């Protein structure tokens, strides 16, 4: 996870059908918050890995399946988990051609190849990475930005210990002080009071329990308990720009835009 000062946690253009999405989140009906976490959020959560040259698998972050399509699933995690900002020419590119995601099932650790299909430019405040992968997952819909004192839940794998559930509240729905340092731009992020989240939780989704939908994505922390999260509206805007070819910071094939 990314960290700042006190302890910061440490435009891609693809086929439009892959990046297109619906703004209207389907309603999930469950009997309790625990049922929602067990039936939807846990099965939608994946651990993001990369493979070294010697074949070793290293966990990087946590990702969430937000959409199913003909190719499998679209996952969201943080851009700092696998994308690099190129400051000189204001572009961004994936660190690797592909990564791996796993549902981290108790009986089987199956890794599915995950191709990067979208990178946000972190200097601009778009700390998001989109991946396409096969597998067997549930999906959780995108909701609306959170409000002050909203109750939230997060499923992540801090320190690589496996998926765990954490609860908390929104302590500020928009940070009104500029927190900018290098490739960190947390202007306007959501602040959460949540214990237990640590390195490896970056990119995991924050669920507003009244919505039963994703309202933000974890990108870091300040101090021991204050989490920072990108509001979901920022992801929606990025996806619209990527699908429409108007996100100028990175394109997969720059020559293709000239045709």
C-alpha atoms as a PDB file:
ATOM      1  CA  UNK A   1       0.000   0.000   0.000  1.00  0.00           C
ATOM      2  CA  UNK A   2       1.034   3.594  -0.583  1.00  0.00           C
ATOM      3  CA  UNK A   3       2.039   5.713   2.412  1.00  0.00           C
ATOM      4  CA  UNK A   4       2.494   9.451   2.951  1.00  0.00           C
ATOM      5  CA  UNK A   5       4.455  11.261   5.693  1.00  0.00           C
ATOM      6  CA  UNK A   6       3.126   9.640   8.846  1.00  0.00           C
ATOM      7  CA  UNK A   7       3.097   6.217   7.143  1.00  0.00           C
ATOM      8  CA  UNK A   8       1.631   6.185   3.636  1.00  0.00           C
ATOM      9  CA  UNK A   9       0.495   2.735   2.538  1.00  0.00           C
ATOM     10  CA  UNK A  10       2.961   0.915   0.704  1.00  0.00           C
ATOM     11  CA  UNK A  11      -5.054   6.028 -21.392  1.00  0.00           C
ATOM     12  CA  UNK A  12      -5.225   2.851 -22.315  1.00  0.00           C
ATOM     13  CA  UNK A  13      -7.511   2.311 -25.151  1.00  0.00           C
ATOM     14  CA  UNK A  14      -8.797  -1.179 -25.782  1.00  0.00           C
ATOM     15  CA  UNK A  15     -11.883  -2.508 -27.462  1.00  0.00           C
ATOM     16  CA  UNK A  16     -14.701  -0.267 -26.285  1.00  0.00           C
ATOM     17  CA  UNK A  17     -16.819  -3.253 -25.325  1.00  0.00           C
ATOM     18  CA  UNK A  18     -14.237  -4.265 -22.699  1.00  0.00           C
ATOM     19  CA  UNK A  19     -14.180  -0.846 -21.074  1.00  0.00           C
ATOM     20  CA  UNK A  20     -17.836   0.084 -21.489  1.00  0.00           C
ATOM     21  CA  UNK A  21     -20.102  -0.169 -18.469  1.00  0.00           C
ATOM     22  CA  UNK A  22     -23.466   0.722 -17.040  1.00  0.00           C
ATOM     23  CA  UNK A  23     -23.790   3.659 -14.657  1.00  0.00           C
ATOM     24  CA  UNK A  24     -26.815   2.028 -13.028  1.00  0.00           C
ATOM     25  CA  UNK A  25     -25.811  -0.434 -10.316  1.00  0.00           C
ATOM     26  CA  UNK A  26     -28.098  -3.462  -9.975  1.00  0.00           C
ATOM     27  CA  UNK A  27     -29.592  -3.868  -6.535  1.00  0.00           C
ATOM     28  CA  UNK A  28     -28.333  -6.808  -4.473  1.00  0.00           C
ATOM     29  CA  UNK A  29     -30.894  -8.179  -2.052  1.00  0.00           C
ATOM     30  CA  UNK A  30     -29.515 -10.120   0.913  1.00  0.00           C
ATOM     31  CA  UNK A  31     -30.783 -10.799   4.395  1.00  0.00           C
ATOM     32  CA  UNK A  32     -27.821  -9.244   6.234  1.00  0.00           C
ATOM     33  CA  UNK A  33     -24.464  -7.537   5.811  1.00  0.00           C
ATOM     34  CA  UNK A  34     -22.734 -10.801   6.634  1.00  0.00           C
ATOM     35  CA  UNK A  35     -24.683 -12.518   3.868  1.00  0.00           C
ATOM     36  CA  UNK A  36     -23.638  -9.843   1.386  1.00  0.00           C
ATOM     37  CA  UNK A  37     -19.964 -10.207   2.303  1.00  0.00           C
ATOM     38  CA  UNK A  38     -20.103 -14.005   2.200  1.00  0.00           C
ATOM     39  CA  UNK A  39     -22.234 -14.400  -0.925  1.00  0.00           C
ATOM     40  CA  UNK A  40     -20.935 -11.543  -3.081  1.00  0.00           C
ATOM     41  CA  UNK A  41     -17.928  -9.592  -1.821  1.00  0.00           C
ATOM     42  CA  UNK A  42     -15.692 -12.534  -0.867  1.00  0.00           C
ATOM     43  CA  UNK A  43     -16.348 -14.361  -4.181  1.00  0.00           C
ATOM     44  CA  UNK A  44     -15.734 -11.105  -6.121  1.00  0.00           C
ATOM     45  CA  UNK A  45     -12.408 -10.416  -4.414  1.00  0.00           C
ATOM     46  CA  UNK A  46      -9.146 -11.652  -5.916  1.00  0.00           C
ATOM     47  CA  UNK A  47      -5.486 -11.423  -4.954  1.00  0.00           C
ATOM     48  CA  UNK A  48      -3.218  -9.854  -7.565  1.00  0.00           C
ATOM     49  CA  UNK A  49       0.141 -11.550  -8.237  1.00  0.00           C
ATOM     50  CA  UNK A  50       3.087 -11.071 -10.541  1.00  0.00           C
ATOM     51  CA  UNK A  51       5.595 -13.707 -11.612  1.00  0.00           C
ATOM     52  CA  UNK A  52       9.349 -13.174 -11.418  1.00  0.00           C
ATOM     53  CA  UNK A  53      11.863 -14.459 -13.952  1.00  0.00           C
ATOM     54  CA  UNK A  54      12.539 -17.524 -11.798  1.00  0.00           C
ATOM     55  CA  UNK A  55       8.840 -18.397 -11.763  1.00  0.00           C
ATOM     56  CA  UNK A  56       8.124 -17.322  -8.199  1.00  0.00           C
ATOM     57  CA  UNK A  57       4.720 -15.768  -7.569  1.00  0.00           C
ATOM     58  CA  UNK A  58       4.596 -12.558  -5.525  1.00  0.00           C
ATOM     59  CA  UNK A  59       1.411 -11.028  -4.203  1.00  0.00           C
ATOM     60  CA  UNK A  60       1.019  -7.329  -4.984  1.00  0.00           C
ATOM     61  CA  UNK A  61      -2.472  -6.102  -4.129  1.00  0.00           C
ATOM     62  CA  UNK A  62      -6.163  -6.915  -3.884  1.00  0.00           C
ATOM     63  CA  UNK A  63      -8.625  -6.610  -6.787  1.00  0.00           C
ATOM     64  CA  UNK A  64     -12.404  -6.786  -7.207  1.00  0.00           C
ATOM     65  CA  UNK A  65     -14.472  -8.164 -10.104  1.00  0.00           C
ATOM     66  CA  UNK A  66     -16.955  -5.490 -11.157  1.00  0.00           C
ATOM     67  CA  UNK A  67     -18.264  -6.826 -14.461  1.00  0.00           C
ATOM     68  CA  UNK A  68     -18.631 -10.054 -16.454  1.00  0.00           C
ATOM     69  CA  UNK A  69     -18.219 -10.069 -20.235  1.00  0.00           C
ATOM     70  CA  UNK A  70     -17.517 -12.485 -23.087  1.00  0.00           C
ATOM     71  CA  UNK A  71     -13.846 -12.653 -22.131  1.00  0.00           C
ATOM     72  CA  UNK A  72     -14.331 -13.322 -18.417  1.00  0.00           C
ATOM     73  CA  UNK A  73     -14.258 -10.536 -15.846  1.00  0.00           C
ATOM     74  CA  UNK A  74     -13.115  -6.944 -15.465  1.00  0.00           C
ATOM     75  CA  UNK A  75     -11.186  -6.392 -12.238  1.00  0.00           C
ATOM     76  CA  UNK A  76     -10.251  -3.112 -10.582  1.00  0.00           C
ATOM     77  CA  UNK A  77      -7.217  -2.495  -8.400  1.00  0.00           C
ATOM     78  CA  UNK A  78      -4.844   0.439  -7.821  1.00  0.00           C
ATOM     79  CA  UNK A  79      -2.583   1.749 -10.586  1.00  0.00           C
ATOM     80  CA  UNK A  80       0.416   1.748  -8.252  1.00  0.00           C
ATOM     81  CA  UNK A  81       0.022  -2.041  -8.071  1.00  0.00           C
ATOM     82  CA  UNK A  82       1.205  -2.501 -11.651  1.00  0.00           C
ATOM     83  CA  UNK A  83       1.312   0.682 -13.750  1.00  0.00           C
ATOM     84  CA  UNK A  84       4.132   3.197 -14.097  1.00  0.00           C
ATOM     85  CA  UNK A  85       3.782   6.925 -14.684  1.00  0.00           C
ATOM     86  CA  UNK A  86       6.202   8.286 -17.273  1.00  0.00           C
ATOM     87  CA  UNK A  87       6.527  11.866 -16.102  1.00  0.00           C
ATOM     88  CA  UNK A  88       8.600  13.205 -18.997  1.00  0.00           C
ATOM     89  CA  UNK A  89       5.906  12.647 -21.608  1.00  0.00           C
ATOM     90  CA  UNK A  90       2.900  12.457 -19.250  1.00  0.00           C
ATOM     91  CA  UNK A  91       2.044   8.879 -20.174  1.00  0.00           C
ATOM     92  CA  UNK A  92       1.441   5.727 -18.163  1.00  0.00           C
ATOM     93  CA  UNK A  93       2.143   2.099 -19.040  1.00  0.00           C
ATOM     94  CA  UNK A  94       1.809  -1.335 -17.398  1.00  0.00           C
ATOM     95  CA  UNK A  95       4.870  -2.733 -15.660  1.00  0.00           C
ATOM     96  CA  UNK A  96       4.137  -6.138 -17.202  1.00  0.00           C
ATOM     97  CA  UNK A  97       2.154  -7.461 -20.146  1.00  0.00           C
ATOM     98  CA  UNK A  98       0.041  -9.497 -17.758  1.00  0.00           C
ATOM     99  CA  UNK A  99      -0.365 -10.376 -14.099  1.00  0.00           C
ATOM    100  CA  UNK A 100      -2.281 -13.132 -12.312  1.00  0.00           C
ATOM    101  CA  UNK A 101      -5.382 -13.158 -10.127  1.00  0.00           C
ATOM    102  CA  UNK A 102      -6.529 -15.872  -7.775  1.00  0.00           C
ATOM    103  CA  UNK A 103      -9.684 -16.354  -5.757  1.00  0.00           C
ATOM    104  CA  UNK A 104      -7.397 -17.818  -3.059  1.00  0.00           C
ATOM    105  CA  UNK A 105      -9.756 -20.717  -2.415  1.00  0.00           C
ATOM    106  CA  UNK A 106      -8.995 -22.842   0.626  1.00  0.00           C
ATOM    107  CA  UNK A 107      -8.860 -26.105  -1.320  1.00  0.00           C
ATOM    108  CA  UNK A 108      -7.129 -24.866  -4.498  1.00  0.00           C
ATOM    109  CA  UNK A 109      -4.821 -21.963  -5.363  1.00  0.00           C
ATOM    110  CA  UNK A 110      -5.595 -21.446  -9.046  1.00  0.00           C
ATOM    111  CA  UNK A 111      -3.949 -18.512 -10.831  1.00  0.00           C
ATOM    112  CA  UNK A 112      -5.641 -16.956 -13.876  1.00  0.00           C
ATOM    113  CA  UNK A 113      -3.678 -14.782 -16.278  1.00  0.00           C
ATOM    114  CA  UNK A 114      -4.847 -11.155 -16.064  1.00  0.00           C
ATOM    115  CA  UNK A 115      -4.163  -8.700 -18.905  1.00  0.00           C
ATOM    116  CA  UNK A 116      -3.965  -5.000 -18.136  1.00  0.00           C
ATOM    117  CA  UNK A 117      -6.698  -3.199 -20.057  1.00  0.00           C
ATOM    118  CA  UNK A 118      -6.610   0.200 -18.375  1.00  0.00           C
ATOM    119  CA  UNK A 119      -4.137   2.362 -16.453  1.00  0.00           C
ATOM    120  CA  UNK A 120      -4.831   5.658 -14.744  1.00  0.00           C
ATOM    121  CA  UNK A 121      -2.243   8.427 -14.502  1.00  0.00           C
ATOM    122  CA  UNK A 122      -1.448   8.718 -10.783  1.00  0.00           C
ATOM    123  CA  UNK A 123      -0.024  12.242 -10.968  1.00  0.00           C
ATOM    124  CA  UNK A 124      -3.500  13.245 -12.137  1.00  0.00           C
ATOM    125  CA  UNK A 125      -5.135  11.436  -9.216  1.00  0.00           C
ATOM    126  CA  UNK A 126      -6.377   8.402 -11.170  1.00  0.00           C
ATOM    127  CA  UNK A 127      -4.908   5.549  -9.100  1.00  0.00           C
ATOM    128  CA  UNK A 128      -6.780   2.765 -10.902  1.00  0.00           C
ATOM    129  CA  UNK A 129      -5.762  -0.276 -12.930  1.00  0.00           C
ATOM    130  CA  UNK A 130      -8.231  -2.387 -14.892  1.00  0.00           C
ATOM    131  CA  UNK A 131      -7.560  -6.017 -15.739  1.00  0.00           C
ATOM    132  CA  UNK A 132      -9.290  -8.690 -17.812  1.00  0.00           C
ATOM    133  CA  UNK A 133      -9.161 -12.304 -16.598  1.00  0.00           C
ATOM    134  CA  UNK A 134     -11.040 -15.579 -16.762  1.00  0.00           C
ATOM    135  CA  UNK A 135     -12.065 -17.600 -13.737  1.00  0.00           C
ATOM    136  CA  UNK A 136     -15.093 -18.162 -11.557  1.00  0.00           C
ATOM    137  CA  UNK A 137     -16.083 -15.053  -9.613  1.00  0.00           C
ATOM    138  CA  UNK A 138     -19.087 -13.081  -8.477  1.00  0.00           C
ATOM    139  CA  UNK A 139     -19.267  -9.369  -9.311  1.00  0.00           C
ATOM    140  CA  UNK A 140     -20.072  -6.369  -7.137  1.00  0.00           C
ATOM    141  CA  UNK A 141     -21.674  -3.319  -8.789  1.00  0.00           C
ATOM    142  CA  UNK A 142     -20.320   0.199  -8.796  1.00  0.00           C
ATOM    143  CA  UNK A 143     -22.407   2.510  -6.640  1.00  0.00           C
ATOM    144  CA  UNK A 144     -22.190   6.171  -5.695  1.00  0.00           C
ATOM    145  CA  UNK A 145     -19.588   8.144  -3.732  1.00  0.00           C
ATOM    146  CA  UNK A 146     -19.847   7.739   0.050  1.00  0.00           C
ATOM    147  CA  UNK A 147     -21.148  10.267   2.548  1.00  0.00           C
ATOM    148  CA  UNK A 148     -19.900  11.275   5.978  1.00  0.00           C
ATOM    149  CA  UNK A 149     -20.353   8.525   8.619  1.00  0.00           C
ATOM    150  CA  UNK A 150     -21.446   5.900   6.086  1.00  0.00           C
ATOM    151  CA  UNK A 151     -20.800   2.390   7.392  1.00  0.00           C
ATOM    152  CA  UNK A 152     -18.380   0.523   5.118  1.00  0.00           C
ATOM    153  CA  UNK A 153     -16.849  -2.930   4.738  1.00  0.00           C
ATOM    154  CA  UNK A 154     -13.675  -3.961   2.962  1.00  0.00           C
ATOM    155  CA  UNK A 155     -12.334  -7.387   1.981  1.00  0.00           C
ATOM    156  CA  UNK A 156      -8.585  -7.476   1.356  1.00  0.00           C
ATOM    157  CA  UNK A 157      -5.452  -9.544   1.925  1.00  0.00           C
ATOM    158  CA  UNK A 158      -3.150  -7.426   4.096  1.00  0.00           C
ATOM    159  CA  UNK A 159       0.405  -8.735   4.378  1.00  0.00           C
ATOM    160  CA  UNK A 160      -0.539 -11.650   2.115  1.00  0.00           C
ATOM    161  CA  UNK A 161      -2.449 -13.430   4.892  1.00  0.00           C
ATOM    162  CA  UNK A 162      -5.497 -14.168   2.752  1.00  0.00           C
ATOM    163  CA  UNK A 163      -8.867 -12.527   2.381  1.00  0.00           C
ATOM    164  CA  UNK A 164     -10.223 -10.860   5.506  1.00  0.00           C
ATOM    165  CA  UNK A 165     -13.203  -8.603   6.179  1.00  0.00           C
ATOM    166  CA  UNK A 166     -12.837  -5.200   7.851  1.00  0.00           C
ATOM    167  CA  UNK A 167     -15.488  -2.715   8.926  1.00  0.00           C
ATOM    168  CA  UNK A 168     -15.274   1.033   9.450  1.00  0.00           C
ATOM    169  CA  UNK A 169     -16.844   4.416   8.804  1.00  0.00           C
ATOM    170  CA  UNK A 170     -16.314   7.343   6.468  1.00  0.00           C
ATOM    171  CA  UNK A 171     -14.634  10.088   8.487  1.00  0.00           C
ATOM    172  CA  UNK A 172     -14.424  12.557   5.568  1.00  0.00           C
ATOM    173  CA  UNK A 173     -16.113  12.221   2.196  1.00  0.00           C
ATOM    174  CA  UNK A 174     -13.496  14.435   0.488  1.00  0.00           C
ATOM    175  CA  UNK A 175     -10.029  15.388   1.735  1.00  0.00           C
ATOM    176  CA  UNK A 176      -9.880  19.194   1.445  1.00  0.00           C
ATOM    177  CA  UNK A 177      -6.118  19.497   1.977  1.00  0.00           C
ATOM    178  CA  UNK A 178      -3.775  18.755  -0.929  1.00  0.00           C
ATOM    179  CA  UNK A 179      -1.779  15.600  -0.264  1.00  0.00           C
ATOM    180  CA  UNK A 180       0.559  15.447  -3.244  1.00  0.00           C
ATOM    181  CA  UNK A 181       4.018  13.905  -3.186  1.00  0.00           C
ATOM    182  CA  UNK A 182       5.671  12.444  -6.291  1.00  0.00           C
ATOM    183  CA  UNK A 183       3.198  10.093  -7.961  1.00  0.00           C
ATOM    184  CA  UNK A 184       0.792  10.368  -5.016  1.00  0.00           C
ATOM    185  CA  UNK A 185      -2.131  12.707  -5.593  1.00  0.00           C
ATOM    186  CA  UNK A 186      -4.745  12.250  -2.902  1.00  0.00           C
ATOM    187  CA  UNK A 187      -6.604  15.501  -3.475  1.00  0.00           C
ATOM    188  CA  UNK A 188     -10.304  14.858  -2.845  1.00  0.00           C
ATOM    189  CA  UNK A 189      -9.899  11.273  -1.650  1.00  0.00           C
ATOM    190  CA  UNK A 190     -12.235   9.655   0.872  1.00  0.00           C
ATOM    191  CA  UNK A 191     -10.948   9.143   4.421  1.00  0.00           C
ATOM    192  CA  UNK A 192     -11.951   6.030   6.350  1.00  0.00           C
ATOM    193  CA  UNK A 193     -11.489   4.986   9.951  1.00  0.00           C
ATOM    194  CA  UNK A 194     -10.721   1.281   9.654  1.00  0.00           C
ATOM    195  CA  UNK A 195      -8.434  -1.029  11.627  1.00  0.00           C
ATOM    196  CA  UNK A 196      -6.439  -3.977  10.338  1.00  0.00           C
ATOM    197  CA  UNK A 197      -5.793  -2.940   6.742  1.00  0.00           C
ATOM    198  CA  UNK A 198      -2.127  -3.020   5.748  1.00  0.00           C
ATOM    199  CA  UNK A 199       0.237  -3.544   2.811  1.00  0.00           C
ATOM    200  CA  UNK A 200      -1.432  -5.795   0.228  1.00  0.00           C
ATOM    201  CA  UNK A 201      -4.824  -4.139   0.693  1.00  0.00           C
ATOM    202  CA  UNK A 202      -4.208  -1.507  -1.990  1.00  0.00           C
ATOM    203  CA  UNK A 203      -6.784  -1.579  -4.748  1.00  0.00           C
ATOM    204  CA  UNK A 204      -9.421  -3.372  -2.692  1.00  0.00           C
ATOM    205  CA  UNK A 205     -12.975  -2.111  -2.897  1.00  0.00           C
ATOM    206  CA  UNK A 206     -14.829  -0.225  -0.177  1.00  0.00           C
ATOM    207  CA  UNK A 207     -18.494  -1.176   0.096  1.00  0.00           C
ATOM    208  CA  UNK A 208     -21.043   1.267   1.454  1.00  0.00           C
ATOM    209  CA  UNK A 209     -23.394  -1.056   3.289  1.00  0.00           C
ATOM    210  CA  UNK A 210     -26.496   1.045   2.675  1.00  0.00           C
ATOM    211  CA  UNK A 211     -25.849   0.743  -1.075  1.00  0.00           C
ATOM    212  CA  UNK A 212     -24.531  -2.843  -1.172  1.00  0.00           C
ATOM    213  CA  UNK A 213     -22.223  -1.469  -3.875  1.00  0.00           C
ATOM    214  CA  UNK A 214     -18.668  -0.186  -4.316  1.00  0.00           C
ATOM    215  CA  UNK A 215     -18.297   3.441  -3.259  1.00  0.00           C
ATOM    216  CA  UNK A 216     -14.476   3.761  -3.177  1.00  0.00           C
ATOM    217  CA  UNK A 217     -11.163   1.907  -3.611  1.00  0.00           C
ATOM    218  CA  UNK A 218      -8.352   1.744  -1.020  1.00  0.00           C
ATOM    219  CA  UNK A 219      -5.094   3.387  -2.131  1.00  0.00           C
ATOM    220  CA  UNK A 220      -3.191   4.012   1.107  1.00  0.00           C
ATOM    221  CA  UNK A 221      -3.199   5.164   4.703  1.00  0.00           C
ATOM    222  CA  UNK A 222      -2.082   7.971   6.972  1.00  0.00           C
ATOM    223  CA  UNK A 223      -1.057   6.918  10.461  1.00  0.00           C
ATOM    224  CA  UNK A 224      -2.354   3.697  11.969  1.00  0.00           C
ATOM    225  CA  UNK A 225      -6.083   3.819  11.237  1.00  0.00           C
ATOM    226  CA  UNK A 226      -6.876   6.517   8.664  1.00  0.00           C
ATOM    227  CA  UNK A 227      -7.332   4.901   5.256  1.00  0.00           C
ATOM    228  CA  UNK A 228      -7.362   6.811   1.969  1.00  0.00           C
ATOM    229  CA  UNK A 229      -9.651   5.697  -0.846  1.00  0.00           C
ATOM    230  CA  UNK A 230     -10.421   6.922  -4.348  1.00  0.00           C
ATOM    231  CA  UNK A 231     -14.146   7.706  -4.769  1.00  0.00           C
ATOM    232  CA  UNK A 232     -15.942   5.488  -7.266  1.00  0.00           C
ATOM    233  CA  UNK A 233     -17.024   8.477  -9.375  1.00  0.00           C
ATOM    234  CA  UNK A 234     -13.376   8.965 -10.330  1.00  0.00           C
ATOM    235  CA  UNK A 235     -13.216   5.396 -11.685  1.00  0.00           C
ATOM    236  CA  UNK A 236     -16.441   5.909 -13.651  1.00  0.00           C
ATOM    237  CA  UNK A 237     -15.030   9.047 -15.232  1.00  0.00           C
ATOM    238  CA  UNK A 238     -11.774   7.274 -16.122  1.00  0.00           C
ATOM    239  CA  UNK A 239     -13.607   4.346 -17.726  1.00  0.00           C
ATOM    240  CA  UNK A 240     -15.759   6.674 -19.780  1.00  0.00           C
ATOM    241  CA  UNK A 241     -12.659   8.488 -21.012  1.00  0.00           C
ATOM    242  CA  UNK A 242     -10.879   5.235 -21.842  1.00  0.00           C
ATOM    243  CA  UNK A 243     -13.864   3.815 -23.709  1.00  0.00           C
ATOM    244  CA  UNK A 244     -14.352   7.066 -25.611  1.00  0.00           C
ATOM    245  CA  UNK A 245     -10.687   7.440 -26.508  1.00  0.00           C
ATOM    246  CA  UNK A 246     -10.432  10.791 -24.747  1.00  0.00           C
ATOM    247  CA  UNK A 247      -7.994   9.822 -21.986  1.00  0.00           C
ATOM    248  CA  UNK A 248      -4.788  11.317 -23.338  1.00  0.00           C
ATOM    249  CA  UNK A 249      -2.270  10.046 -20.783  1.00  0.00           C
ATOM    250  CA  UNK A 250      -1.878   6.548 -22.185  1.00  0.00           C
ATOM    251  CA  UNK A 251      -2.905   4.576 -25.237  1.00  0.00           C
ATOM    252  CA  UNK A 252      -2.022   0.931 -25.859  1.00  0.00           C
ATOM    253  CA  UNK A 253      -1.138   1.594 -29.494  1.00  0.00           C
ATOM    254  CA  UNK A 254      -0.425   5.297 -30.183  1.00  0.00           C
ATOM    255  CA  UNK A 255      -0.325   4.693 -33.964  1.00  0.00           C
ATOM    256  CA  UNK A 256      -3.838   3.292 -33.881  1.00  0.00           C
ATOM    257  CA  UNK A 257      -5.229   6.684 -32.850  1.00  0.00           C
ATOM    258  CA  UNK A 258      -3.931   8.210 -36.080  1.00  0.00           C
ATOM    259  CA  UNK A 259      -5.846   5.838 -38.374  1.00  0.00           C
END
